[in-house]
C-alpha atoms as a PDB file:
ATOM      1  CA  MET A   1     194.092 -52.441 107.292  1.00  0.00           C
ATOM      2  CA  GLY A   2     191.033 -52.380 109.714  1.00  0.00           C
ATOM      3  CA  VAL A   3     189.550 -55.336 111.339  1.00  0.00           C
ATOM      4  CA  SER A   4     186.277 -54.933 109.249  1.00  0.00           C
ATOM      5  CA  GLN A   5     188.396 -55.519 106.029  1.00  0.00           C
ATOM      6  CA  VAL A   6     190.115 -58.527 107.379  1.00  0.00           C
ATOM      7  CA  LEU A   7     186.927 -59.956 108.391  1.00  0.00           C
ATOM      8  CA  LEU A   8     185.424 -59.242 104.985  1.00  0.00           C
ATOM      9  CA  GLY A   9     188.472 -60.618 103.108  1.00  0.00           C
ATOM     10  CA  PHE A  10     188.191 -63.877 105.385  1.00  0.00           C
ATOM     11  CA  ALA A  11     184.363 -64.270 104.376  1.00  0.00           C
ATOM     12  CA  GLY A  12     185.164 -63.735 100.794  1.00  0.00           C
ATOM     13  CA  LEU A  13     187.795 -66.394 100.961  1.00  0.00           C
ATOM     14  CA  THR A  14     185.647 -68.733 103.069  1.00  0.00           C
ATOM     15  CA  ALA A  15     182.765 -68.153 100.357  1.00  0.00           C
ATOM     16  CA  GLY A  16     185.134 -68.838  97.505  1.00  0.00           C
ATOM     17  CA  ILE A  17     186.422 -71.956  98.837  1.00  0.00           C
ATOM     18  CA  ALA A  18     182.982 -73.229  99.482  1.00  0.00           C
ATOM     19  CA  VAL A  19     181.854 -72.489  95.911  1.00  0.00           C
ATOM     20  CA  ILE A  20     184.930 -74.161  94.555  1.00  0.00           C
ATOM     21  CA  GLY A  21     184.739 -77.225  97.003  1.00  0.00           C
ATOM     22  CA  ASN A  22     180.915 -77.943  95.746  1.00  0.00           C
ATOM     23  CA  LEU A  23     181.459 -77.606  91.847  1.00  0.00           C
ATOM     24  CA  PRO A  24     180.713 -80.807  90.140  1.00  0.00           C
ATOM     25  CA  VAL A  25     183.789 -83.133  89.748  1.00  0.00           C
ATOM     26  CA  THR A  26     182.874 -83.883  86.075  1.00  0.00           C
ATOM     27  CA  TRP A  27     183.761 -80.113  85.192  1.00  0.00           C
ATOM     28  CA  PHE A  28     187.397 -80.955  85.860  1.00  0.00           C
ATOM     29  CA  MET A  29     187.846 -84.680  85.173  1.00  0.00           C
ATOM     30  CA  SER A  30     185.999 -87.539  83.254  1.00  0.00           C
ATOM     31  CA  ALA A  31     185.106 -91.178  84.386  1.00  0.00           C
ATOM     32  CA  GLU A  32     187.458 -93.743  83.114  1.00  0.00           C
ATOM     33  CA  LYS A  33     185.880 -96.710  81.839  1.00  0.00           C
ATOM     34  CA  ALA A  34     186.886-100.084  83.199  1.00  0.00           C
ATOM     35  CA  THR A  35     188.636-102.429  80.960  1.00  0.00           C
ATOM     36  CA  LEU A  36     188.157-105.980  80.873  1.00  0.00           C
ATOM     37  CA  LYS A  37     191.894-106.433  81.747  1.00  0.00           C
ATOM     38  CA  TYR A  38     191.507-104.222  84.981  1.00  0.00           C
ATOM     39  CA  LEU A  39     188.160-105.943  86.069  1.00  0.00           C
ATOM     40  CA  GLU A  40     189.696-109.530  85.765  1.00  0.00           C
ATOM     41  CA  LYS A  41     192.327-108.666  88.251  1.00  0.00           C
ATOM     42  CA  SER A  42     189.931-107.259  90.764  1.00  0.00           C
ATOM     43  CA  ARG A  43     189.522-109.135  94.113  1.00  0.00           C
ATOM     44  CA  LEU A  44     186.463-110.220  95.391  1.00  0.00           C
ATOM     45  CA  GLN A  45     184.930-111.374  98.736  1.00  0.00           C
ATOM     46  CA  THR A  46     181.848-113.341  99.289  1.00  0.00           C
ATOM     47  CA  ILE A  47     179.533-112.259 102.081  1.00  0.00           C
ATOM     48  CA  GLU A  48     179.061-115.442 103.857  1.00  0.00           C
ATOM     49  CA  THR A  49     179.673-116.481 107.433  1.00  0.00           C
ATOM     50  CA  ASN A  50     183.193-117.958 105.916  1.00  0.00           C
ATOM     51  CA  PRO A  51     184.121-115.389 103.302  1.00  0.00           C
ATOM     52  CA  ARG A  52     186.069-116.563 100.067  1.00  0.00           C
ATOM     53  CA  THR A  53     188.448-114.340  98.222  1.00  0.00           C
ATOM     54  CA  PHE A  54     188.934-114.899  94.425  1.00  0.00           C
ATOM     55  CA  ASN A  55     189.763-113.028  91.221  1.00  0.00           C
ATOM     56  CA  ALA A  56     186.927-111.557  89.632  1.00  0.00           C
ATOM     57  CA  LYS A  57     188.194-113.582  86.168  1.00  0.00           C
ATOM     58  CA  GLU A  58     186.802-116.682  87.932  1.00  0.00           C
ATOM     59  CA  LEU A  59     183.128-115.375  87.412  1.00  0.00           C
ATOM     60  CA  TRP A  60     183.448-115.540  83.822  1.00  0.00           C
ATOM     61  CA  LYS A  61     185.855-118.275  83.356  1.00  0.00           C
ATOM     62  CA  ASP A  62     183.177-120.915  82.449  1.00  0.00           C
ATOM     63  CA  ASN A  63     180.013-118.797  81.778  1.00  0.00           C
ATOM     64  CA  GLY A  64     179.273-115.042  80.769  1.00  0.00           C
ATOM     65  CA  THR A  65     178.309-112.903  83.531  1.00  0.00           C
ATOM     66  CA  VAL A  66     177.258-109.278  84.295  1.00  0.00           C
ATOM     67  CA  ILE A  67     179.273-107.123  86.679  1.00  0.00           C
ATOM     68  CA  MET A  68     178.018-103.914  87.969  1.00  0.00           C
ATOM     69  CA  ALA A  69     180.711-101.970  89.971  1.00  0.00           C
ATOM     70  CA  VAL A  70     179.577 -99.255  92.290  1.00  0.00           C
ATOM     71  CA  ARG A  71     182.027 -96.778  93.995  1.00  0.00           C
ATOM     72  CA  ARG A  72     180.967 -96.018  97.441  1.00  0.00           C
ATOM     73  CA  PRO A  73     181.627 -92.331  98.360  1.00  0.00           C
ATOM     74  CA  GLY A  74     184.020 -91.406 101.014  1.00  0.00           C
END
């Protein structure tokens, strides 16, 4: 096997990995919906000088609330 065949094989392997690595994740797995039971156990932290940590259930204990959960990439 010559050097050119090895380099060609390596280039093909690299291109294949690049293609597979950039496919949309939704092709392989679907997003799960957050249940109320899961959300109420979430730990939240305020962004003040003295941060306070609490369970998300405390937000809607007395009143209704709207929750938007954003997943940060990385």
